[in-house]
N, C-alpha and C. Protein backbone atom coordinates (compact mmCIF):
# COMPACT_ATOMS: atom_id res chain seq x y z
N MET A 1 0.82 -1.16 -0.11
CA MET A 1 0.02 0.00 0.18
C MET A 1 0.93 1.18 -0.19
N ALA A 2 0.52 2.21 -0.87
CA ALA A 2 1.41 3.20 -1.00
C ALA A 2 0.76 4.57 -0.51
N LEU A 3 1.52 5.44 -0.17
CA LEU A 3 1.01 6.76 0.19
C LEU A 3 0.94 7.80 -0.99
N ILE A 4 -0.18 8.45 -1.13
CA ILE A 4 -0.21 9.56 -2.08
C ILE A 4 -0.86 10.89 -1.45
N ASN A 5 -0.69 11.92 -2.04
CA ASN A 5 -1.10 13.15 -1.65
C ASN A 5 -2.56 13.33 -2.12
N CYS A 6 -3.30 13.77 -1.01
CA CYS A 6 -4.99 13.94 -1.25
C CYS A 6 -4.95 15.34 -2.21
N PRO A 7 -5.92 15.09 -3.27
CA PRO A 7 -6.11 16.08 -4.16
C PRO A 7 -6.66 17.20 -3.72
N GLU A 8 -7.54 17.09 -2.58
CA GLU A 8 -8.22 18.23 -2.07
C GLU A 8 -7.50 18.97 -1.02
N CYS A 9 -6.89 18.34 -0.11
CA CYS A 9 -6.06 19.00 1.05
C CYS A 9 -4.49 18.82 1.04
N GLY A 10 -4.08 17.87 0.09
CA GLY A 10 -2.78 17.81 -0.06
C GLY A 10 -1.95 17.08 1.03
N LYS A 11 -2.55 16.47 1.84
CA LYS A 11 -1.91 15.68 3.05
C LYS A 11 -1.89 14.27 2.46
N GLN A 12 -0.97 13.39 3.00
CA GLN A 12 -0.68 11.99 2.65
C GLN A 12 -1.69 11.18 3.23
N VAL A 13 -2.17 10.28 2.12
CA VAL A 13 -3.28 9.39 2.35
C VAL A 13 -2.92 7.92 1.85
N SER A 14 -3.20 6.97 2.37
CA SER A 14 -2.93 5.72 2.04
C SER A 14 -3.85 5.33 0.71
N THR A 15 -3.35 4.62 -0.28
CA THR A 15 -4.33 4.23 -1.36
C THR A 15 -5.35 3.17 -1.20
N ALA A 16 -5.12 2.56 0.10
CA ALA A 16 -6.15 1.49 0.44
C ALA A 16 -7.45 2.10 1.24
N ALA A 17 -7.23 3.46 1.50
CA ALA A 17 -8.36 4.24 2.28
C ALA A 17 -9.58 4.63 1.34
N GLN A 18 -10.62 4.54 1.85
CA GLN A 18 -11.88 4.83 1.01
C GLN A 18 -11.96 6.29 1.00
N SER A 19 -11.63 7.20 1.99
CA SER A 19 -11.43 8.63 1.78
C SER A 19 -10.37 9.14 2.79
N CYS A 20 -10.16 10.47 2.55
CA CYS A 20 -9.06 11.13 3.23
C CYS A 20 -9.59 11.37 4.68
N PRO A 21 -8.86 10.99 5.80
CA PRO A 21 -9.23 11.21 7.03
C PRO A 21 -9.19 12.65 7.32
N SER A 22 -8.73 13.43 6.69
CA SER A 22 -8.57 15.05 7.12
C SER A 22 -9.90 15.52 6.65
N CYS A 23 -10.04 15.51 5.17
CA CYS A 23 -11.15 16.27 4.66
C CYS A 23 -12.29 15.50 4.07
N GLY A 24 -12.19 14.15 3.90
CA GLY A 24 -13.23 13.36 3.53
C GLY A 24 -13.32 13.09 2.12
N TYR A 25 -12.35 13.53 1.29
CA TYR A 25 -12.33 13.41 -0.20
C TYR A 25 -12.36 11.84 -0.44
N PRO A 26 -13.04 11.37 -1.56
CA PRO A 26 -12.99 9.96 -1.87
C PRO A 26 -11.71 9.56 -2.70
N ILE A 27 -10.78 8.70 -1.75
CA ILE A 27 -9.66 8.41 -2.63
C ILE A 27 -9.76 7.33 -3.28
N ALA A 28 -10.63 6.23 -2.85
CA ALA A 28 -10.79 5.00 -3.45
C ALA A 28 -11.16 5.17 -5.05
N THR A 29 -12.12 6.27 -5.31
CA THR A 29 -12.69 6.26 -6.77
C THR A 29 -11.53 6.80 -7.50
N GLN A 30 -10.67 7.68 -6.97
CA GLN A 30 -9.61 8.40 -7.63
C GLN A 30 -8.44 7.17 -8.15
N THR A 31 -8.09 6.44 -7.07
CA THR A 31 -6.96 5.47 -7.43
C THR A 31 -7.49 4.28 -8.46
N SER A 32 -8.96 4.03 -8.31
CA SER A 32 -9.44 3.01 -9.46
C SER A 32 -9.63 3.68 -10.77
N GLN A 33 -9.79 4.96 -10.75
CA GLN A 33 -10.04 5.59 -12.22
C GLN A 33 -8.52 5.85 -12.65
N ALA A 34 -7.58 6.05 -11.90
CA ALA A 34 -6.22 6.38 -12.44
C ALA A 34 -5.76 4.93 -12.93
N SER A 35 -6.01 3.76 -12.24
CA SER A 35 -5.45 2.65 -12.76
C SER A 35 -6.22 2.02 -13.91
N GLN A 36 -7.45 2.46 -14.10
CA GLN A 36 -8.18 2.23 -15.26
C GLN A 36 -8.05 3.12 -16.44
N LYS A 37 -6.98 3.33 -17.07
CA LYS A 37 -6.57 4.16 -18.09
C LYS A 37 -7.21 3.66 -19.41
N PRO A 38 -7.92 4.49 -20.14
CA PRO A 38 -8.30 3.84 -21.44
C PRO A 38 -7.22 3.42 -22.31
N PRO A 39 -7.31 2.62 -23.07
CA PRO A 39 -6.24 2.15 -24.10
C PRO A 39 -6.04 3.16 -24.98
N SER A 40 -4.70 3.48 -25.26
CA SER A 40 -4.39 4.61 -26.25
C SER A 40 -4.47 4.07 -27.75
N ASN A 41 -4.92 4.66 -28.69
CA ASN A 41 -5.12 4.39 -29.84
C ASN A 41 -3.79 5.00 -30.66
N PRO A 42 -3.00 4.12 -31.32
CA PRO A 42 -1.79 4.66 -31.91
C PRO A 42 -2.13 5.36 -33.21
N ASP A 43 -3.14 5.58 -33.67
CA ASP A 43 -3.54 6.34 -34.96
C ASP A 43 -4.09 7.80 -34.66
N VAL A 44 -4.39 7.84 -33.41
CA VAL A 44 -5.15 9.21 -33.00
C VAL A 44 -4.02 10.23 -32.64
N LEU A 45 -3.99 11.22 -33.39
CA LEU A 45 -2.95 12.35 -33.25
C LEU A 45 -3.18 13.07 -32.05
N LEU A 46 -2.21 13.13 -31.12
CA LEU A 46 -2.40 13.88 -29.62
C LEU A 46 -1.96 15.15 -29.76
N ALA A 47 -0.86 15.54 -30.49
CA ALA A 47 -0.21 16.73 -30.52
C ALA A 47 0.78 16.77 -31.84
N GLU A 48 0.73 17.99 -32.38
CA GLU A 48 1.96 18.25 -33.38
C GLU A 48 2.57 19.60 -32.86
N VAL A 49 3.81 19.42 -32.74
CA VAL A 49 4.66 20.40 -32.26
C VAL A 49 5.84 20.78 -33.23
N ARG A 50 5.78 22.06 -33.40
CA ARG A 50 7.02 22.46 -34.14
C ARG A 50 7.79 23.35 -33.37
N PRO A 51 9.13 23.76 -33.80
CA PRO A 51 9.86 24.69 -33.00
C PRO A 51 9.32 26.11 -33.11
N SER A 52 9.60 26.91 -32.11
CA SER A 52 8.99 28.23 -31.94
C SER A 52 9.69 29.10 -32.96
N CYS A 53 8.77 30.27 -33.47
CA CYS A 53 9.46 30.97 -34.48
C CYS A 53 10.53 31.84 -33.68
N TRP A 54 10.63 31.92 -32.56
CA TRP A 54 11.74 32.56 -31.79
C TRP A 54 13.05 31.83 -31.95
N GLN A 55 12.83 30.64 -32.27
CA GLN A 55 14.16 29.70 -32.44
C GLN A 55 14.93 30.17 -33.68
N PHE A 56 14.19 30.79 -34.78
CA PHE A 56 14.73 31.08 -35.82
C PHE A 56 14.70 32.75 -36.09
N PHE A 57 14.84 33.42 -34.89
CA PHE A 57 14.89 34.89 -35.11
C PHE A 57 16.15 35.47 -35.77
N TRP A 58 17.28 34.99 -35.67
CA TRP A 58 18.24 35.43 -36.33
C TRP A 58 18.15 35.18 -37.98
N HIS A 59 17.56 33.99 -38.21
CA HIS A 59 17.37 33.61 -39.60
C HIS A 59 16.47 34.76 -40.24
N TRP A 60 15.50 35.10 -39.59
CA TRP A 60 14.49 36.07 -40.08
C TRP A 60 15.18 37.46 -40.21
N VAL A 61 15.99 37.77 -39.05
CA VAL A 61 16.75 39.15 -39.27
C VAL A 61 17.62 39.19 -40.48
N PHE A 62 18.41 38.11 -40.81
CA PHE A 62 19.38 38.15 -41.83
C PHE A 62 18.67 38.13 -43.10
N PHE A 63 17.38 37.38 -43.10
CA PHE A 63 16.52 37.33 -44.27
C PHE A 63 16.31 38.63 -44.91
N TRP A 64 15.78 39.55 -43.85
CA TRP A 64 15.32 40.87 -44.10
C TRP A 64 16.54 41.86 -44.39
N LEU A 65 17.72 41.43 -43.94
CA LEU A 65 18.98 42.23 -44.30
C LEU A 65 19.62 41.92 -45.54
N ILE A 66 19.37 40.55 -46.15
CA ILE A 66 19.97 40.39 -47.35
C ILE A 66 18.95 40.23 -48.40
N VAL A 67 17.86 39.97 -48.44
CA VAL A 67 16.85 39.92 -49.52
C VAL A 67 16.67 41.29 -50.27
N PRO A 68 16.22 42.39 -49.40
CA PRO A 68 16.08 43.74 -49.88
C PRO A 68 17.34 44.33 -50.88
N PRO A 69 18.61 44.05 -50.27
CA PRO A 69 19.63 44.59 -51.40
C PRO A 69 19.75 43.79 -52.36
N LEU A 70 19.45 42.44 -52.44
CA LEU A 70 19.28 41.76 -53.69
C LEU A 70 18.27 42.06 -54.71
N VAL A 71 17.17 42.45 -54.07
CA VAL A 71 16.13 42.98 -54.99
C VAL A 71 16.58 44.28 -55.63
N ALA A 72 16.92 45.06 -54.89
CA ALA A 72 17.68 46.56 -55.37
C ALA A 72 18.51 46.37 -56.49
N TRP A 73 19.40 45.44 -56.01
CA TRP A 73 20.47 45.30 -57.13
C TRP A 73 19.96 44.73 -58.38
N TRP A 74 18.87 43.96 -58.28
CA TRP A 74 18.32 43.31 -59.48
C TRP A 74 17.58 44.46 -60.33
N CYS A 75 16.77 45.12 -59.63
CA CYS A 75 16.01 46.25 -60.18
C CYS A 75 16.99 47.29 -60.72
N ARG A 76 18.06 47.67 -60.18
CA ARG A 76 18.93 48.66 -60.65
C ARG A 76 19.74 48.06 -61.84
N ALA A 77 20.16 46.77 -61.91
CA ALA A 77 20.81 46.15 -63.09
C ALA A 77 19.91 46.08 -64.24
N SER A 78 18.67 46.06 -64.17
CA SER A 78 17.82 45.86 -65.19
C SER A 78 17.41 46.95 -66.10
N VAL A 79 17.81 48.24 -65.64
CA VAL A 79 17.56 49.38 -66.58
C VAL A 79 18.80 50.25 -66.78
N VAL A 80 19.06 50.42 -67.94
CA VAL A 80 20.30 51.16 -68.55
C VAL A 80 19.95 52.31 -69.36
N LEU A 81 20.21 53.71 -69.00
CA LEU A 81 20.03 54.62 -69.98
C LEU A 81 21.46 55.21 -70.51
N ARG A 82 21.50 55.24 -71.90
CA ARG A 82 22.62 55.53 -72.54
C ARG A 82 22.47 56.68 -73.41
N VAL A 83 23.31 57.79 -73.33
CA VAL A 83 23.17 59.05 -74.21
C VAL A 83 24.47 58.94 -75.11
N TYR A 84 24.01 58.97 -76.37
CA TYR A 84 25.11 59.03 -77.52
C TYR A 84 25.00 60.32 -77.96
N GLY A 85 25.83 60.68 -79.02
CA GLY A 85 25.63 61.96 -79.71
C GLY A 85 24.55 61.85 -80.67
N GLY A 86 23.44 62.42 -80.50
CA GLY A 86 22.36 62.30 -81.38
C GLY A 86 21.18 61.35 -81.04
N ARG A 87 21.44 60.48 -80.23
CA ARG A 87 20.46 59.51 -79.81
C ARG A 87 20.70 59.00 -78.26
N ILE A 88 19.52 58.41 -77.88
CA ILE A 88 19.40 57.87 -76.49
C ILE A 88 18.93 56.54 -76.64
N THR A 89 19.43 55.64 -75.81
CA THR A 89 18.92 54.31 -75.73
C THR A 89 18.43 53.94 -74.42
N ILE A 90 17.40 53.02 -74.21
CA ILE A 90 17.12 52.64 -72.92
C ILE A 90 17.14 51.18 -73.10
N GLU A 91 17.65 50.48 -72.20
CA GLU A 91 17.78 48.75 -72.11
C GLU A 91 17.11 48.32 -70.99
N ARG A 92 16.06 47.65 -71.01
CA ARG A 92 15.44 46.99 -69.89
C ARG A 92 15.62 45.54 -69.84
N GLY A 93 15.71 44.92 -68.71
CA GLY A 93 15.68 43.52 -68.48
C GLY A 93 17.11 42.78 -68.22
N ILE A 94 17.00 41.83 -67.65
CA ILE A 94 18.21 40.88 -67.45
C ILE A 94 18.35 39.75 -68.27
N PHE A 95 17.24 38.97 -68.22
CA PHE A 95 17.17 37.75 -69.04
C PHE A 95 16.58 38.12 -70.40
N SER A 96 15.53 38.67 -70.30
CA SER A 96 14.79 39.12 -71.65
C SER A 96 14.98 40.62 -71.62
N LYS A 97 15.22 40.94 -72.90
CA LYS A 97 15.71 42.48 -73.04
C LYS A 97 14.64 43.22 -73.90
N SER A 98 14.60 44.44 -73.57
CA SER A 98 13.81 45.44 -74.25
C SER A 98 14.60 46.66 -74.57
N TYR A 99 14.76 46.94 -75.91
CA TYR A 99 15.55 48.13 -76.32
C TYR A 99 14.66 49.16 -76.77
N ARG A 100 14.82 50.56 -76.51
CA ARG A 100 14.21 51.55 -77.02
C ARG A 100 15.16 52.62 -77.24
N GLU A 101 15.10 53.24 -78.53
CA GLU A 101 16.04 54.05 -78.95
C GLU A 101 15.32 55.25 -79.48
N PHE A 102 15.64 56.58 -78.93
CA PHE A 102 15.14 57.72 -79.40
C PHE A 102 16.12 58.65 -80.05
N LEU A 103 15.76 59.45 -81.15
CA LEU A 103 16.60 60.33 -81.76
C LEU A 103 16.64 61.61 -81.02
N ALA A 104 17.55 62.24 -80.77
CA ALA A 104 17.77 63.56 -79.91
C ALA A 104 16.62 64.59 -80.66
N LYS A 105 16.57 64.56 -81.95
CA LYS A 105 15.91 65.46 -82.53
C LYS A 105 14.30 65.38 -82.46
N ASP A 106 13.82 64.03 -82.14
CA ASP A 106 12.55 63.59 -82.03
C ASP A 106 11.95 63.89 -80.55
N ILE A 107 12.83 64.28 -79.67
CA ILE A 107 12.40 64.49 -78.34
C ILE A 107 11.54 65.66 -78.10
N ARG A 108 10.35 65.55 -77.83
CA ARG A 108 9.38 66.61 -77.45
C ARG A 108 9.51 67.23 -76.34
N SER A 109 9.68 66.53 -75.10
CA SER A 109 9.57 66.89 -73.81
C SER A 109 10.46 66.09 -73.04
N MET A 110 11.07 66.64 -71.92
CA MET A 110 11.56 65.75 -70.70
C MET A 110 11.26 66.18 -69.32
N ASP A 111 10.62 65.45 -68.68
CA ASP A 111 10.19 65.89 -67.38
C ASP A 111 10.79 65.09 -66.32
N ILE A 112 11.08 65.96 -65.07
CA ILE A 112 11.83 65.41 -64.05
C ILE A 112 10.75 65.55 -62.82
N ASP A 113 10.68 64.48 -62.11
CA ASP A 113 9.81 64.45 -60.95
C ASP A 113 10.91 64.08 -59.87
N GLN A 114 10.60 64.94 -58.69
CA GLN A 114 11.59 64.53 -57.60
C GLN A 114 10.82 64.93 -56.40
N GLY A 115 10.74 64.07 -55.35
CA GLY A 115 10.17 64.34 -53.92
C GLY A 115 11.15 65.01 -52.98
N LEU A 116 10.72 65.26 -52.02
CA LEU A 116 11.63 66.06 -51.09
C LEU A 116 13.00 65.17 -50.70
N LEU A 117 12.82 63.94 -50.33
CA LEU A 117 14.09 63.16 -50.07
C LEU A 117 14.69 63.05 -51.37
N ALA A 118 14.11 62.83 -52.42
CA ALA A 118 14.88 62.52 -53.71
C ALA A 118 15.61 63.74 -54.08
N ARG A 119 15.26 64.97 -53.82
CA ARG A 119 15.91 66.26 -53.95
C ARG A 119 17.01 66.25 -53.13
N LEU A 120 16.87 65.67 -51.89
CA LEU A 120 18.09 65.94 -50.99
C LEU A 120 19.26 64.99 -51.50
N VAL A 121 18.99 63.95 -52.03
CA VAL A 121 19.99 62.93 -52.44
C VAL A 121 20.27 63.01 -54.05
N ASP A 122 19.54 64.07 -54.73
CA ASP A 122 19.87 64.31 -56.08
C ASP A 122 19.57 63.23 -57.03
N ILE A 123 18.23 62.64 -56.89
CA ILE A 123 17.85 61.73 -57.57
C ILE A 123 16.46 62.01 -58.24
N GLY A 124 15.93 61.37 -59.24
CA GLY A 124 14.60 61.75 -59.72
C GLY A 124 14.09 60.86 -60.94
N ASP A 125 12.95 61.04 -61.19
CA ASP A 125 12.30 60.22 -62.20
C ASP A 125 12.47 61.07 -63.56
N LEU A 126 12.82 60.51 -64.62
CA LEU A 126 13.10 61.16 -65.95
C LEU A 126 11.92 60.57 -66.86
N THR A 127 11.05 61.52 -67.54
CA THR A 127 10.13 60.92 -68.43
C THR A 127 10.54 61.70 -69.73
N ILE A 128 10.90 60.84 -70.74
CA ILE A 128 11.01 61.45 -72.06
C ILE A 128 9.99 61.15 -73.04
N SER A 129 9.54 62.22 -73.70
CA SER A 129 8.23 62.05 -74.63
C SER A 129 8.95 62.47 -76.09
N THR A 130 8.40 61.54 -77.00
CA THR A 130 8.93 61.98 -78.31
C THR A 130 7.66 62.52 -79.17
N ALA A 131 7.98 62.98 -80.28
CA ALA A 131 7.10 63.76 -81.19
C ALA A 131 6.80 62.63 -82.37
N ALA A 132 7.70 61.30 -82.39
CA ALA A 132 7.39 60.46 -83.43
C ALA A 132 6.16 59.66 -83.26
N THR A 133 5.77 59.20 -82.17
CA THR A 133 4.65 58.61 -81.88
C THR A 133 3.78 59.10 -80.74
N VAL A 134 2.55 58.70 -80.57
CA VAL A 134 1.77 59.13 -79.60
C VAL A 134 2.02 58.52 -78.23
N ASP A 135 2.27 57.35 -78.31
CA ASP A 135 2.70 56.64 -76.86
C ASP A 135 4.18 56.57 -76.45
N ALA A 136 4.87 57.17 -77.21
CA ALA A 136 6.36 57.15 -76.91
C ALA A 136 6.86 57.93 -75.84
N ALA A 137 6.48 57.76 -74.50
CA ALA A 137 6.88 58.38 -73.37
C ALA A 137 7.49 57.24 -72.39
N GLU A 138 8.67 57.55 -72.29
CA GLU A 138 9.52 56.46 -71.37
C GLU A 138 9.90 57.13 -70.06
N ARG A 139 9.44 56.31 -69.15
CA ARG A 139 9.83 56.98 -67.76
C ARG A 139 10.96 55.88 -67.05
N ILE A 140 12.02 56.70 -66.74
CA ILE A 140 13.05 55.91 -66.08
C ILE A 140 13.11 56.46 -64.69
N GLN A 141 12.97 55.71 -63.57
CA GLN A 141 12.96 56.05 -62.20
C GLN A 141 14.31 55.89 -61.48
N GLY A 142 14.47 57.07 -60.69
CA GLY A 142 15.83 56.98 -59.79
C GLY A 142 16.95 57.19 -60.61
N ILE A 143 16.99 58.22 -61.47
CA ILE A 143 18.23 58.59 -62.28
C ILE A 143 19.01 59.51 -61.40
N PRO A 144 20.32 59.33 -61.17
CA PRO A 144 21.04 60.19 -60.37
C PRO A 144 21.24 61.42 -61.29
N GLN A 145 21.43 62.55 -60.61
CA GLN A 145 21.50 63.91 -61.21
C GLN A 145 20.80 64.12 -62.43
N PRO A 146 19.33 63.99 -62.32
CA PRO A 146 18.40 64.16 -63.48
C PRO A 146 18.53 65.40 -64.22
N LYS A 147 18.84 66.61 -63.56
CA LYS A 147 19.02 67.77 -64.27
C LYS A 147 20.11 67.73 -65.12
N GLN A 148 21.17 67.26 -64.83
CA GLN A 148 22.33 67.09 -65.70
C GLN A 148 22.17 66.30 -66.97
N ILE A 149 21.60 65.13 -66.62
CA ILE A 149 21.20 64.36 -67.80
C ILE A 149 20.33 64.90 -68.88
N ARG A 150 19.38 65.52 -68.29
CA ARG A 150 18.33 66.41 -69.25
C ARG A 150 19.20 67.56 -70.05
N GLU A 151 20.03 68.05 -69.34
CA GLU A 151 20.83 69.15 -69.82
C GLU A 151 21.78 68.50 -71.05
N MET A 152 22.26 67.34 -70.72
CA MET A 152 23.19 66.70 -71.73
C MET A 152 22.22 66.27 -72.99
N ILE A 153 21.21 65.73 -72.75
CA ILE A 153 20.14 65.40 -73.66
C ILE A 153 19.84 66.47 -74.63
N LEU A 154 19.54 67.55 -74.13
CA LEU A 154 19.10 68.86 -74.74
C LEU A 154 20.43 69.45 -75.50
N SER A 155 21.65 69.27 -75.02
CA SER A 155 22.78 69.79 -75.76
C SER A 155 22.94 69.00 -77.08
N GLN A 156 22.67 67.76 -77.01
CA GLN A 156 22.66 66.85 -78.11
C GLN A 156 21.72 67.22 -79.20
N ARG A 157 20.61 67.52 -78.74
CA ARG A 157 19.39 67.91 -79.56
C ARG A 157 19.90 69.35 -80.36
N HIS A 158 20.30 70.29 -79.57
CA HIS A 158 20.75 71.49 -80.23
C HIS A 158 21.95 71.37 -81.17
N ASP A 159 22.75 70.35 -80.92
CA ASP A 159 24.03 70.17 -81.66
C ASP A 159 23.69 69.69 -83.13
N GLN A 160 22.43 68.96 -83.24
CA GLN A 160 21.96 68.48 -84.40
C GLN A 160 21.70 69.27 -85.41
């Protein structure tokens, strides 16, 4: 006969006792229920446990430190504006390529859009519109020193 703690009052009681001598809690029914466990079914899923996300905290941090620069590099490498004497070419894409060429004399207008932060770091969006076709407006985003590029293109147009 073993001693167990009474679930009600916490004092030690014999497993052979019908009830706890201190509080009267029925001990015999508790011990018989504990010994008559239902058989476990091996096909029933009781729990599925995965590691905590906090375990991978540094993986997440390095992911967010590495992936955005890779995306930025990819976007930057996929657009090239080239200014030649008398013509401008725009090349887009890395795997598949798109080439647009504008003659300097066909350029109708060039617009520069800069927000406050873009003005502070001297970058802007350059939109080139041509007189040759209706839909020939090309927007290149994030051009460094856009005013100097515009002046270079205008000087090529006047030299023609």
